[in-house]
Amino acid sequence: MRHRKTIYKLGRTAEHRKATLSNLAAALFERKHIETTEIKAKAVRPFAEKLITLAKRNTLHARRLAFSVLHRKDVVKILFDDVAPQYKDRNGGYTRVVKLGQRMGDGARVAILELVGFETASKKHKEKEAKREEAKKKKLKEVKGEAAAEGKPKKEEKKEKGKEKEKEKEKEKGKDKGKEKVKEEKGKVKEEKHKKEDEKKKEEDKKKEEDKKKEKGKK
């Protein structure tokens, strides 16, 4: 029978569930607050509070037990040196769950799990994240500005190339026009020559006719 067995199974096997709780607790001790689903927050809360109670002992054995659960030396150091000393005079209630409602997409209920008394740390973490986002935005703007600056010279080069091509075309057109003019002049010269030759032939023919007439008159 399942009397008094109120474990959040989270739809996972035992090993997977232990790993999930360990990772969430490590993230909580490291960042002082985490955002996750409401069920996971409720599942991690007692797990993390028991580790804080264990860390209050501040013995080598306690450290080894905590390391066997968290598997991270840096998080164990934070837990024993930073987190546990804040709760010397506090008997439980080390964490707080703040519900945020449903998230877009799957509609799961989301909540923030944070350590009581470390609100300033969470604020600092949020400020750091905001600064990082601002730095990323600035970098993106700089990259876009550089790309735009690089694009302008390229456009100018294209315009210059287009102008050069137009000039070359105009030059070619001028050359063609010059050739046409030369051809026209040559044609005119030829026509004048032909006219002169025709006139000479006509004059010669007239002279011949006149000579013939004169010879007939003499006879």
N, C-alpha and C. Protein backbone atom coordinates (compact mmCIF):
# COMPACT_ATOMS: atom_id res chain seq x y z
N MET A 1 0.85 -1.20 0.00
CA MET A 1 0.00 0.00 0.00
C MET A 1 0.88 1.25 0.00
N ARG A 2 0.34 2.34 -0.50
CA ARG A 2 1.13 3.55 -0.73
C ARG A 2 0.86 4.60 0.35
N HIS A 3 0.85 4.22 1.57
CA HIS A 3 0.59 5.16 2.64
C HIS A 3 1.82 6.04 2.90
N ARG A 4 1.58 7.37 2.96
CA ARG A 4 2.60 8.35 3.34
C ARG A 4 3.81 8.36 2.39
N LYS A 5 3.61 7.92 1.16
CA LYS A 5 4.68 7.95 0.16
C LYS A 5 4.37 9.09 -0.82
N THR A 6 4.75 10.28 -0.42
CA THR A 6 4.42 11.48 -1.21
C THR A 6 5.65 11.95 -1.99
N ILE A 7 6.14 11.11 -2.87
CA ILE A 7 7.31 11.45 -3.69
C ILE A 7 6.82 11.95 -5.04
N TYR A 8 7.42 13.04 -5.49
CA TYR A 8 7.16 13.54 -6.85
C TYR A 8 7.98 12.71 -7.83
N LYS A 9 7.31 11.88 -8.61
CA LYS A 9 8.04 11.00 -9.53
C LYS A 9 8.49 11.73 -10.79
N LEU A 10 7.77 12.81 -11.16
CA LEU A 10 8.15 13.65 -12.30
C LEU A 10 8.20 12.90 -13.63
N GLY A 11 7.54 11.76 -13.69
CA GLY A 11 7.52 11.01 -14.95
C GLY A 11 8.88 10.46 -15.34
N ARG A 12 9.73 10.19 -14.34
CA ARG A 12 11.09 9.71 -14.61
C ARG A 12 11.38 8.45 -13.79
N THR A 13 12.43 7.75 -14.21
CA THR A 13 12.90 6.63 -13.40
C THR A 13 13.64 7.17 -12.18
N ALA A 14 13.97 6.29 -11.26
CA ALA A 14 14.61 6.72 -10.01
C ALA A 14 15.95 7.41 -10.27
N GLU A 15 16.75 6.83 -11.13
CA GLU A 15 18.07 7.41 -11.43
C GLU A 15 17.94 8.77 -12.12
N HIS A 16 17.03 8.82 -13.08
CA HIS A 16 16.82 10.08 -13.80
C HIS A 16 16.29 11.16 -12.86
N ARG A 17 15.39 10.76 -11.96
CA ARG A 17 14.82 11.72 -11.01
C ARG A 17 15.89 12.24 -10.05
N LYS A 18 16.76 11.38 -9.57
CA LYS A 18 17.84 11.80 -8.67
C LYS A 18 18.78 12.78 -9.37
N ALA A 19 19.10 12.49 -10.63
CA ALA A 19 19.99 13.37 -11.39
C ALA A 19 19.33 14.74 -11.60
N THR A 20 18.02 14.73 -11.90
CA THR A 20 17.30 15.99 -12.10
C THR A 20 17.31 16.84 -10.83
N LEU A 21 16.99 16.23 -9.70
CA LEU A 21 16.97 16.96 -8.43
C LEU A 21 18.36 17.47 -8.07
N SER A 22 19.39 16.65 -8.33
CA SER A 22 20.75 17.07 -8.04
C SER A 22 21.15 18.29 -8.86
N ASN A 23 20.83 18.26 -10.16
CA ASN A 23 21.17 19.39 -11.04
C ASN A 23 20.41 20.65 -10.67
N LEU A 24 19.14 20.52 -10.32
CA LEU A 24 18.35 21.69 -9.95
C LEU A 24 18.85 22.28 -8.63
N ALA A 25 19.19 21.43 -7.67
CA ALA A 25 19.71 21.92 -6.39
C ALA A 25 21.05 22.62 -6.58
N ALA A 26 21.92 22.05 -7.42
CA ALA A 26 23.22 22.68 -7.70
C ALA A 26 23.02 24.05 -8.34
N ALA A 27 22.08 24.15 -9.29
CA ALA A 27 21.80 25.44 -9.92
C ALA A 27 21.24 26.44 -8.90
N LEU A 28 20.41 25.96 -7.96
CA LEU A 28 19.85 26.84 -6.93
C LEU A 28 20.94 27.39 -6.03
N PHE A 29 21.87 26.55 -5.58
CA PHE A 29 22.95 27.01 -4.70
C PHE A 29 23.92 27.94 -5.44
N GLU A 30 24.11 27.68 -6.72
CA GLU A 30 25.05 28.48 -7.49
C GLU A 30 24.48 29.85 -7.84
N ARG A 31 23.20 29.90 -8.26
CA ARG A 31 22.60 31.14 -8.73
C ARG A 31 21.68 31.80 -7.70
N LYS A 32 21.37 31.08 -6.64
CA LYS A 32 20.51 31.57 -5.56
C LYS A 32 19.04 31.64 -5.95
N HIS A 33 18.70 31.44 -7.21
CA HIS A 33 17.31 31.34 -7.63
C HIS A 33 17.26 30.66 -8.99
N ILE A 34 16.20 29.90 -9.21
CA ILE A 34 16.02 29.21 -10.49
C ILE A 34 14.56 29.33 -10.91
N GLU A 35 14.34 29.30 -12.20
CA GLU A 35 12.99 29.32 -12.75
C GLU A 35 12.72 27.98 -13.40
N THR A 36 11.70 27.29 -12.93
CA THR A 36 11.38 25.95 -13.43
C THR A 36 9.87 25.74 -13.28
N THR A 37 9.42 24.54 -13.58
CA THR A 37 7.99 24.26 -13.42
C THR A 37 7.64 24.16 -11.93
N GLU A 38 6.37 24.40 -11.64
CA GLU A 38 5.93 24.44 -10.24
C GLU A 38 6.14 23.09 -9.56
N ILE A 39 5.90 22.00 -10.26
CA ILE A 39 6.04 20.66 -9.67
C ILE A 39 7.51 20.36 -9.37
N LYS A 40 8.39 20.73 -10.29
CA LYS A 40 9.82 20.51 -10.05
C LYS A 40 10.30 21.36 -8.87
N ALA A 41 9.81 22.59 -8.77
CA ALA A 41 10.20 23.46 -7.65
C ALA A 41 9.77 22.84 -6.32
N LYS A 42 8.55 22.31 -6.28
CA LYS A 42 8.07 21.67 -5.04
C LYS A 42 8.85 20.40 -4.73
N ALA A 43 9.32 19.71 -5.79
CA ALA A 43 10.09 18.48 -5.58
C ALA A 43 11.50 18.80 -5.09
N VAL A 44 12.10 19.87 -5.61
CA VAL A 44 13.48 20.21 -5.24
C VAL A 44 13.55 20.87 -3.87
N ARG A 45 12.48 21.53 -3.45
CA ARG A 45 12.52 22.32 -2.22
C ARG A 45 12.97 21.51 -1.00
N PRO A 46 12.33 20.38 -0.67
CA PRO A 46 12.80 19.62 0.49
C PRO A 46 14.19 19.02 0.29
N PHE A 47 14.49 18.65 -0.97
CA PHE A 47 15.81 18.09 -1.29
C PHE A 47 16.90 19.11 -0.98
N ALA A 48 16.71 20.36 -1.40
CA ALA A 48 17.70 21.41 -1.19
C ALA A 48 17.78 21.80 0.29
N GLU A 49 16.64 21.84 0.99
CA GLU A 49 16.65 22.24 2.40
C GLU A 49 17.36 21.19 3.27
N LYS A 50 17.23 19.95 2.92
CA LYS A 50 17.95 18.90 3.67
C LYS A 50 19.46 19.04 3.48
N LEU A 51 19.87 19.41 2.25
CA LEU A 51 21.30 19.62 2.01
C LEU A 51 21.82 20.83 2.80
N ILE A 52 21.02 21.88 2.92
CA ILE A 52 21.44 23.05 3.70
C ILE A 52 21.57 22.68 5.18
N THR A 53 20.62 21.89 5.69
CA THR A 53 20.70 21.43 7.09
C THR A 53 21.95 20.58 7.29
N LEU A 54 22.26 19.76 6.29
CA LEU A 54 23.49 18.95 6.36
C LEU A 54 24.72 19.84 6.36
N ALA A 55 24.69 20.88 5.57
CA ALA A 55 25.85 21.77 5.46
C ALA A 55 26.10 22.57 6.74
N LYS A 56 25.09 22.71 7.60
CA LYS A 56 25.27 23.43 8.86
C LYS A 56 26.27 22.73 9.78
N ARG A 57 26.43 21.44 9.61
CA ARG A 57 27.40 20.70 10.44
C ARG A 57 28.82 21.17 10.16
N ASN A 58 29.10 21.43 8.90
CA ASN A 58 30.42 21.92 8.47
C ASN A 58 31.54 20.98 8.88
N THR A 59 31.32 19.70 8.60
CA THR A 59 32.35 18.69 8.87
C THR A 59 32.78 18.05 7.57
N LEU A 60 33.90 17.35 7.62
CA LEU A 60 34.41 16.68 6.42
C LEU A 60 33.43 15.62 5.95
N HIS A 61 32.84 14.89 6.91
CA HIS A 61 31.88 13.85 6.55
C HIS A 61 30.66 14.46 5.86
N ALA A 62 30.21 15.59 6.39
CA ALA A 62 29.05 16.25 5.79
C ALA A 62 29.37 16.71 4.37
N ARG A 63 30.58 17.21 4.17
CA ARG A 63 30.99 17.64 2.83
C ARG A 63 31.01 16.47 1.86
N ARG A 64 31.48 15.35 2.34
CA ARG A 64 31.54 14.17 1.47
C ARG A 64 30.13 13.69 1.12
N LEU A 65 29.23 13.73 2.11
CA LEU A 65 27.85 13.33 1.83
C LEU A 65 27.20 14.27 0.80
N ALA A 66 27.46 15.58 0.96
CA ALA A 66 26.90 16.55 0.01
C ALA A 66 27.49 16.33 -1.38
N PHE A 67 28.79 16.04 -1.45
CA PHE A 67 29.43 15.81 -2.75
C PHE A 67 28.89 14.55 -3.41
N SER A 68 28.53 13.54 -2.61
CA SER A 68 27.98 12.30 -3.17
C SER A 68 26.61 12.54 -3.82
N VAL A 69 25.95 13.64 -3.41
CA VAL A 69 24.64 13.96 -3.98
C VAL A 69 24.76 14.96 -5.13
N LEU A 70 25.57 16.00 -4.93
CA LEU A 70 25.67 17.09 -5.93
C LEU A 70 26.70 16.82 -7.03
N HIS A 71 27.76 16.08 -6.71
CA HIS A 71 28.80 15.70 -7.69
C HIS A 71 29.54 16.90 -8.27
N ARG A 72 29.59 18.01 -7.53
CA ARG A 72 30.32 19.20 -7.99
C ARG A 72 31.00 19.87 -6.80
N LYS A 73 32.32 19.93 -6.85
CA LYS A 73 33.09 20.48 -5.75
C LYS A 73 32.82 21.98 -5.57
N ASP A 74 32.71 22.70 -6.69
CA ASP A 74 32.49 24.15 -6.58
C ASP A 74 31.16 24.47 -5.92
N VAL A 75 30.12 23.68 -6.21
CA VAL A 75 28.80 23.91 -5.61
C VAL A 75 28.82 23.53 -4.13
N VAL A 76 29.54 22.47 -3.79
CA VAL A 76 29.66 22.07 -2.38
C VAL A 76 30.34 23.18 -1.58
N LYS A 77 31.36 23.78 -2.15
CA LYS A 77 32.06 24.88 -1.48
C LYS A 77 31.13 26.07 -1.27
N ILE A 78 30.33 26.41 -2.30
CA ILE A 78 29.37 27.51 -2.16
C ILE A 78 28.35 27.18 -1.08
N LEU A 79 27.88 25.95 -1.06
CA LEU A 79 26.87 25.53 -0.08
C LEU A 79 27.39 25.66 1.34
N PHE A 80 28.61 25.20 1.61
CA PHE A 80 29.15 25.18 2.97
C PHE A 80 29.71 26.54 3.40
N ASP A 81 30.27 27.30 2.44
CA ASP A 81 30.94 28.56 2.80
C ASP A 81 30.03 29.78 2.70
N ASP A 82 29.06 29.76 1.77
CA ASP A 82 28.24 30.95 1.54
C ASP A 82 26.79 30.77 2.02
N VAL A 83 26.19 29.64 1.68
CA VAL A 83 24.75 29.46 1.93
C VAL A 83 24.47 29.06 3.38
N ALA A 84 25.10 27.98 3.84
CA ALA A 84 24.80 27.45 5.18
C ALA A 84 25.04 28.46 6.31
N PRO A 85 26.13 29.26 6.29
CA PRO A 85 26.33 30.22 7.39
C PRO A 85 25.21 31.26 7.51
N GLN A 86 24.46 31.52 6.44
CA GLN A 86 23.37 32.49 6.50
C GLN A 86 22.18 31.98 7.32
N TYR A 87 22.12 30.65 7.54
CA TYR A 87 20.96 30.05 8.20
C TYR A 87 21.34 29.39 9.53
N LYS A 88 22.31 29.94 10.22
CA LYS A 88 22.71 29.37 11.52
C LYS A 88 21.57 29.43 12.53
N ASP A 89 20.87 30.54 12.57
CA ASP A 89 19.81 30.75 13.55
C ASP A 89 18.42 30.48 12.98
N ARG A 90 18.37 29.78 11.86
CA ARG A 90 17.07 29.52 11.21
C ARG A 90 16.87 28.01 11.12
N ASN A 91 15.75 27.55 11.62
CA ASN A 91 15.45 26.11 11.62
C ASN A 91 14.44 25.79 10.51
N GLY A 92 14.94 25.60 9.31
CA GLY A 92 14.08 25.26 8.18
C GLY A 92 13.51 26.50 7.50
N GLY A 93 12.78 26.24 6.42
CA GLY A 93 12.21 27.35 5.65
C GLY A 93 13.28 28.17 4.95
N TYR A 94 14.24 27.48 4.33
CA TYR A 94 15.35 28.18 3.68
C TYR A 94 15.01 28.66 2.27
N THR A 95 13.95 28.10 1.70
CA THR A 95 13.62 28.41 0.31
C THR A 95 12.21 28.99 0.20
N ARG A 96 11.95 29.60 -0.94
CA ARG A 96 10.64 30.21 -1.21
C ARG A 96 10.25 29.90 -2.65
N VAL A 97 8.97 29.55 -2.84
CA VAL A 97 8.44 29.27 -4.17
C VAL A 97 7.49 30.41 -4.55
N VAL A 98 7.81 31.07 -5.67
CA VAL A 98 6.97 32.17 -6.17
C VAL A 98 6.35 31.71 -7.49
N LYS A 99 5.02 31.63 -7.51
CA LYS A 99 4.33 31.14 -8.70
C LYS A 99 4.22 32.26 -9.75
N LEU A 100 4.45 31.89 -11.01
CA LEU A 100 4.43 32.85 -12.11
C LEU A 100 3.28 32.63 -13.10
N GLY A 101 2.52 31.58 -12.89
CA GLY A 101 1.43 31.28 -13.82
C GLY A 101 1.86 30.31 -14.90
N GLN A 102 1.09 30.27 -16.00
CA GLN A 102 1.35 29.33 -17.08
C GLN A 102 2.24 29.97 -18.15
N ARG A 103 3.09 29.14 -18.74
CA ARG A 103 3.97 29.63 -19.80
C ARG A 103 3.37 29.34 -21.16
N MET A 104 3.82 30.10 -22.14
CA MET A 104 3.34 29.91 -23.50
C MET A 104 3.91 28.61 -24.06
N GLY A 105 3.11 27.96 -24.88
CA GLY A 105 3.59 26.72 -25.52
C GLY A 105 2.86 25.52 -24.96
N ASP A 106 3.42 24.93 -23.92
CA ASP A 106 2.80 23.73 -23.35
C ASP A 106 1.83 24.05 -22.22
N GLY A 107 1.80 25.34 -21.78
CA GLY A 107 0.86 25.73 -20.72
C GLY A 107 1.23 25.23 -19.34
N ALA A 108 2.49 24.82 -19.14
CA ALA A 108 2.93 24.33 -17.82
C ALA A 108 3.01 25.49 -16.83
N ARG A 109 2.68 25.19 -15.57
CA ARG A 109 2.77 26.21 -14.53
C ARG A 109 4.23 26.41 -14.14
N VAL A 110 4.65 27.68 -14.16
CA VAL A 110 6.05 28.02 -13.90
C VAL A 110 6.15 28.71 -12.55
N ALA A 111 7.29 28.51 -11.89
CA ALA A 111 7.54 29.13 -10.59
C ALA A 111 9.02 29.42 -10.43
N ILE A 112 9.33 30.35 -9.52
CA ILE A 112 10.71 30.66 -9.17
C ILE A 112 10.99 30.08 -7.79
N LEU A 113 12.05 29.33 -7.70
CA LEU A 113 12.52 28.80 -6.41
C LEU A 113 13.77 29.58 -6.03
N GLU A 114 13.73 30.26 -4.89
CA GLU A 114 14.85 31.09 -4.47
C GLU A 114 15.19 30.84 -3.01
N LEU A 115 16.44 31.15 -2.66
CA LEU A 115 16.89 31.04 -1.28
C LEU A 115 16.49 32.30 -0.51
N VAL A 116 15.91 32.10 0.67
CA VAL A 116 15.48 33.23 1.49
C VAL A 116 16.72 33.96 2.01
N GLY A 117 16.70 35.30 1.86
CA GLY A 117 17.82 36.11 2.31
C GLY A 117 18.84 36.41 1.24
N PHE A 118 18.69 35.80 0.07
CA PHE A 118 19.62 36.03 -1.04
C PHE A 118 18.94 36.77 -2.19
N GLU A 119 17.93 37.58 -1.88
CA GLU A 119 17.23 38.32 -2.92
C GLU A 119 18.17 39.30 -3.62
N THR A 120 19.08 39.88 -2.84
CA THR A 120 20.04 40.81 -3.44
C THR A 120 20.92 40.09 -4.45
N ALA A 121 21.30 38.85 -4.11
CA ALA A 121 22.12 38.07 -5.04
C ALA A 121 21.37 37.79 -6.33
N SER A 122 20.08 37.47 -6.20
CA SER A 122 19.28 37.21 -7.40
C SER A 122 19.14 38.49 -8.22
N LYS A 123 18.99 39.65 -7.52
CA LYS A 123 18.91 40.91 -8.25
C LYS A 123 20.21 41.19 -9.01
N LYS A 124 21.35 40.94 -8.33
CA LYS A 124 22.63 41.14 -8.99
C LYS A 124 22.76 40.24 -10.21
N HIS A 125 22.30 38.98 -10.05
CA HIS A 125 22.37 38.05 -11.17
C HIS A 125 21.51 38.55 -12.33
N LYS A 126 20.31 39.07 -12.00
CA LYS A 126 19.45 39.61 -13.06
C LYS A 126 20.10 40.82 -13.73
N GLU A 127 20.74 41.68 -12.91
CA GLU A 127 21.42 42.84 -13.48
C GLU A 127 22.55 42.41 -14.42
N LYS A 128 23.29 41.37 -14.00
CA LYS A 128 24.36 40.86 -14.87
C LYS A 128 23.79 40.35 -16.18
N GLU A 129 22.68 39.60 -16.09
CA GLU A 129 22.05 39.09 -17.32
C GLU A 129 21.59 40.24 -18.21
N ALA A 130 21.02 41.30 -17.57
CA ALA A 130 20.58 42.46 -18.36
C ALA A 130 21.76 43.13 -19.05
N LYS A 131 22.89 43.25 -18.31
CA LYS A 131 24.08 43.86 -18.91
C LYS A 131 24.59 43.01 -20.07
N ARG A 132 24.56 41.69 -19.89
CA ARG A 132 25.00 40.81 -20.98
C ARG A 132 24.12 41.00 -22.22
N GLU A 133 22.82 41.08 -21.99
CA GLU A 133 21.91 41.28 -23.12
C GLU A 133 22.18 42.61 -23.82
N GLU A 134 22.42 43.66 -23.00
CA GLU A 134 22.74 44.96 -23.59
C GLU A 134 24.03 44.91 -24.40
N ALA A 135 25.04 44.20 -23.84
CA ALA A 135 26.31 44.06 -24.56
C ALA A 135 26.10 43.32 -25.88
N LYS A 136 25.27 42.28 -25.85
CA LYS A 136 24.98 41.54 -27.08
C LYS A 136 24.30 42.43 -28.11
N LYS A 137 23.33 43.24 -27.63
CA LYS A 137 22.63 44.14 -28.54
C LYS A 137 23.59 45.15 -29.16
N LYS A 138 24.50 45.69 -28.31
CA LYS A 138 25.48 46.65 -28.82
C LYS A 138 26.37 46.01 -29.88
N LYS A 139 26.81 44.77 -29.60
CA LYS A 139 27.65 44.07 -30.57
C LYS A 139 26.91 43.87 -31.88
N LEU A 140 25.64 43.48 -31.77
CA LEU A 140 24.84 43.28 -32.99
C LEU A 140 24.72 44.58 -33.77
N LYS A 141 24.49 45.70 -33.04
CA LYS A 141 24.41 46.99 -33.71
C LYS A 141 25.72 47.35 -34.40
N GLU A 142 26.84 47.10 -33.67
CA GLU A 142 28.15 47.38 -34.26
C GLU A 142 28.40 46.55 -35.50
N VAL A 143 28.03 45.27 -35.40
CA VAL A 143 28.22 44.39 -36.57
C VAL A 143 27.38 44.87 -37.74
N LYS A 144 26.12 45.25 -37.45
CA LYS A 144 25.25 45.75 -38.51
C LYS A 144 25.80 47.05 -39.10
N GLY A 145 26.34 47.94 -38.19
CA GLY A 145 26.92 49.18 -38.68
C GLY A 145 28.12 48.94 -39.56
N GLU A 146 28.98 48.00 -39.15
CA GLU A 146 30.14 47.66 -39.98
C GLU A 146 29.71 47.09 -41.32
N ALA A 147 28.69 46.23 -41.26
CA ALA A 147 28.21 45.65 -42.52
C ALA A 147 27.65 46.74 -43.43
N ALA A 148 26.90 47.69 -42.80
CA ALA A 148 26.36 48.79 -43.61
C ALA A 148 27.48 49.66 -44.16
N ALA A 149 28.51 49.92 -43.30
CA ALA A 149 29.65 50.73 -43.76
C ALA A 149 30.39 50.04 -44.89
N GLU A 150 30.52 48.72 -44.80
CA GLU A 150 31.16 47.98 -45.88
C GLU A 150 30.30 47.97 -47.13
N GLY A 151 28.98 47.96 -46.91
CA GLY A 151 28.07 47.92 -48.05
C GLY A 151 28.07 49.22 -48.83
N LYS A 152 28.24 50.38 -48.13
CA LYS A 152 28.23 51.66 -48.82
C LYS A 152 29.36 51.78 -49.83
N PRO A 153 30.62 51.50 -49.43
CA PRO A 153 31.69 51.56 -50.43
C PRO A 153 31.44 50.64 -51.61
N LYS A 154 30.87 49.47 -51.33
CA LYS A 154 30.57 48.56 -52.43
C LYS A 154 29.57 49.19 -53.38
N LYS A 155 28.56 49.84 -52.81
CA LYS A 155 27.57 50.50 -53.67
C LYS A 155 28.23 51.61 -54.49
N GLU A 156 29.10 52.38 -53.80
CA GLU A 156 29.80 53.45 -54.51
C GLU A 156 30.67 52.89 -55.62
N GLU A 157 31.35 51.79 -55.33
CA GLU A 157 32.18 51.16 -56.37
C GLU A 157 31.31 50.71 -57.55
N LYS A 158 30.15 50.16 -57.24
CA LYS A 158 29.26 49.73 -58.32
C LYS A 158 28.82 50.92 -59.16
N LYS A 159 28.49 52.04 -58.45
CA LYS A 159 28.08 53.23 -59.19
C LYS A 159 29.20 53.73 -60.09
N GLU A 160 30.43 53.76 -59.53
CA GLU A 160 31.57 54.22 -60.32
C GLU A 160 31.81 53.33 -61.52
N LYS A 161 31.71 52.01 -61.29
CA LYS A 161 31.88 51.08 -62.41
C LYS A 161 30.80 51.32 -63.46
N GLY A 162 29.56 51.56 -62.99
CA GLY A 162 28.49 51.83 -63.94
C GLY A 162 28.75 53.09 -64.74
N LYS A 163 29.26 54.13 -64.04
CA LYS A 163 29.58 55.37 -64.74
C LYS A 163 30.69 55.15 -65.77
N GLU A 164 31.72 54.38 -65.37
CA GLU A 164 32.81 54.09 -66.31
C GLU A 164 32.30 53.34 -67.53
N LYS A 165 31.41 52.39 -67.30
CA LYS A 165 30.85 51.65 -68.43
C LYS A 165 30.06 52.57 -69.35
N GLU A 166 29.29 53.48 -68.73
CA GLU A 166 28.53 54.42 -69.55
C GLU A 166 29.45 55.31 -70.37
N LYS A 167 30.55 55.76 -69.73
CA LYS A 167 31.51 56.58 -70.46
C LYS A 167 32.12 55.81 -71.63
N GLU A 168 32.47 54.54 -71.38
CA GLU A 168 33.02 53.72 -72.47
C GLU A 168 32.02 53.55 -73.60
N LYS A 169 30.75 53.35 -73.22
CA LYS A 169 29.72 53.22 -74.25
C LYS A 169 29.59 54.50 -75.07
N GLU A 170 29.64 55.66 -74.34
CA GLU A 170 29.56 56.94 -75.05
C GLU A 170 30.74 57.13 -76.00
N LYS A 171 31.93 56.72 -75.50
CA LYS A 171 33.11 56.80 -76.36
C LYS A 171 32.94 55.94 -77.60
N GLU A 172 32.46 54.73 -77.40
CA GLU A 172 32.24 53.85 -78.55
C GLU A 172 31.22 54.44 -79.51
N LYS A 173 30.15 55.04 -78.91
CA LYS A 173 29.16 55.68 -79.78
C LYS A 173 29.79 56.83 -80.56
N GLY A 174 30.66 57.62 -79.88
CA GLY A 174 31.36 58.72 -80.57
C GLY A 174 32.23 58.22 -81.69
N LYS A 175 32.94 57.10 -81.40
CA LYS A 175 33.77 56.52 -82.45
C LYS A 175 32.92 56.08 -83.63
N ASP A 176 31.79 55.44 -83.33
CA ASP A 176 30.91 54.99 -84.41
C ASP A 176 30.41 56.17 -85.24
N LYS A 177 30.04 57.26 -84.51
CA LYS A 177 29.59 58.45 -85.23
C LYS A 177 30.69 59.03 -86.11
N GLY A 178 31.94 59.04 -85.57
CA GLY A 178 33.07 59.53 -86.37
C GLY A 178 33.28 58.68 -87.60
N LYS A 179 33.15 57.37 -87.43
CA LYS A 179 33.31 56.48 -88.58
C LYS A 179 32.22 56.74 -89.61
N GLU A 180 30.99 56.95 -89.11
CA GLU A 180 29.89 57.22 -90.03
C GLU A 180 30.13 58.52 -90.81
N LYS A 181 30.63 59.55 -90.07
CA LYS A 181 30.93 60.82 -90.75
C LYS A 181 31.99 60.65 -91.82
N VAL A 182 33.04 59.89 -91.47
CA VAL A 182 34.11 59.64 -92.45
C VAL A 182 33.55 58.92 -93.67
N LYS A 183 32.68 57.93 -93.43
CA LYS A 183 32.08 57.21 -94.54
C LYS A 183 31.24 58.15 -95.40
N GLU A 184 30.47 59.02 -94.73
CA GLU A 184 29.64 59.96 -95.48
C GLU A 184 30.50 60.89 -96.34
N GLU A 185 31.60 61.38 -95.73
CA GLU A 185 32.49 62.26 -96.49
C GLU A 185 33.09 61.53 -97.68
N LYS A 186 33.54 60.30 -97.45
CA LYS A 186 34.07 59.52 -98.56
C LYS A 186 33.04 59.32 -99.65
N GLY A 187 31.79 59.06 -99.23
CA GLY A 187 30.73 58.87 -100.22
C GLY A 187 30.49 60.14 -101.03
N LYS A 188 30.52 61.29 -100.31
CA LYS A 188 30.34 62.55 -101.01
C LYS A 188 31.47 62.80 -102.01
N VAL A 189 32.70 62.51 -101.60
CA VAL A 189 33.85 62.69 -102.49
C VAL A 189 33.70 61.81 -103.73
N LYS A 190 33.28 60.57 -103.52
CA LYS A 190 33.09 59.66 -104.64
C LYS A 190 32.00 60.18 -105.58
N GLU A 191 30.90 60.65 -104.98
CA GLU A 191 29.82 61.19 -105.81
C GLU A 191 30.30 62.37 -106.65
N GLU A 192 31.08 63.27 -106.02
CA GLU A 192 31.61 64.42 -106.76
C GLU A 192 32.52 63.97 -107.90
N LYS A 193 33.34 62.99 -107.63
CA LYS A 193 34.22 62.46 -108.68
C LYS A 193 33.40 61.91 -109.83
N HIS A 194 32.36 61.12 -109.47
CA HIS A 194 31.51 60.54 -110.51
C HIS A 194 30.83 61.64 -111.32
N LYS A 195 30.37 62.69 -110.62
CA LYS A 195 29.72 63.78 -111.34
C LYS A 195 30.69 64.46 -112.32
N LYS A 196 31.90 64.73 -111.81
CA LYS A 196 32.91 65.36 -112.66
C LYS A 196 33.23 64.48 -113.87
N GLU A 197 33.38 63.18 -113.63
CA GLU A 197 33.65 62.26 -114.74
C GLU A 197 32.51 62.26 -115.75
N ASP A 198 31.27 62.28 -115.22
CA ASP A 198 30.11 62.30 -116.13
C ASP A 198 30.10 63.58 -116.96
N GLU A 199 30.40 64.70 -116.30
CA GLU A 199 30.42 65.97 -117.02
C GLU A 199 31.50 65.97 -118.11
N LYS A 200 32.68 65.45 -117.78
CA LYS A 200 33.76 65.35 -118.76
C LYS A 200 33.34 64.51 -119.94
N LYS A 201 32.71 63.36 -119.65
CA LYS A 201 32.26 62.49 -120.74
C LYS A 201 31.25 63.20 -121.63
N LYS A 202 30.35 63.95 -120.99
CA LYS A 202 29.35 64.68 -121.78
C LYS A 202 30.02 65.72 -122.68
N GLU A 203 30.97 66.43 -122.10
CA GLU A 203 31.69 67.44 -122.88
C GLU A 203 32.44 66.80 -124.06
N GLU A 204 33.09 65.68 -123.76
CA GLU A 204 33.81 64.96 -124.82
C GLU A 204 32.86 64.50 -125.93
N ASP A 205 31.70 64.00 -125.49
CA ASP A 205 30.71 63.56 -126.49
C ASP A 205 30.24 64.73 -127.35
N LYS A 206 29.98 65.88 -126.69
CA LYS A 206 29.55 67.07 -127.44
C LYS A 206 30.61 67.48 -128.46
N LYS A 207 31.89 67.50 -128.01
CA LYS A 207 32.98 67.88 -128.91
C LYS A 207 33.05 66.92 -130.09
N LYS A 208 32.91 65.66 -129.84
CA LYS A 208 32.96 64.67 -130.93
C LYS A 208 31.83 64.92 -131.93
N GLU A 209 30.62 65.18 -131.37
CA GLU A 209 29.49 65.43 -132.25
C GLU A 209 29.73 66.69 -133.10
N GLU A 210 30.26 67.74 -132.44
CA GLU A 210 30.54 68.98 -133.17
C GLU A 210 31.59 68.74 -134.26
N ASP A 211 32.62 67.98 -133.92
CA ASP A 211 33.65 67.68 -134.93
C ASP A 211 33.07 66.92 -136.13
N LYS A 212 32.20 65.97 -135.81
CA LYS A 212 31.57 65.20 -136.89
C LYS A 212 30.74 66.12 -137.79
N LYS A 213 29.97 67.03 -137.15
CA LYS A 213 29.14 67.96 -137.91
C LYS A 213 30.03 68.86 -138.82
N LYS A 214 31.14 69.32 -138.26
CA LYS A 214 32.02 70.18 -139.04
C LYS A 214 32.59 69.41 -140.26
N GLU A 215 32.98 68.19 -140.07
CA GLU A 215 33.53 67.36 -141.17
C GLU A 215 32.46 67.16 -142.25
N LYS A 216 31.20 66.93 -141.85
CA LYS A 216 30.12 66.75 -142.80
C LYS A 216 29.89 68.05 -143.58
N GLY A 217 29.95 69.19 -142.89
CA GLY A 217 29.75 70.47 -143.55
C GLY A 217 30.83 70.76 -144.60
N LYS A 218 32.04 70.39 -144.35
CA LYS A 218 33.15 70.58 -145.26
C LYS A 218 32.94 69.73 -146.51
N LYS A 219 32.44 68.57 -146.32
CA LYS A 219 32.25 67.67 -147.46
C LYS A 219 31.13 68.23 -148.34
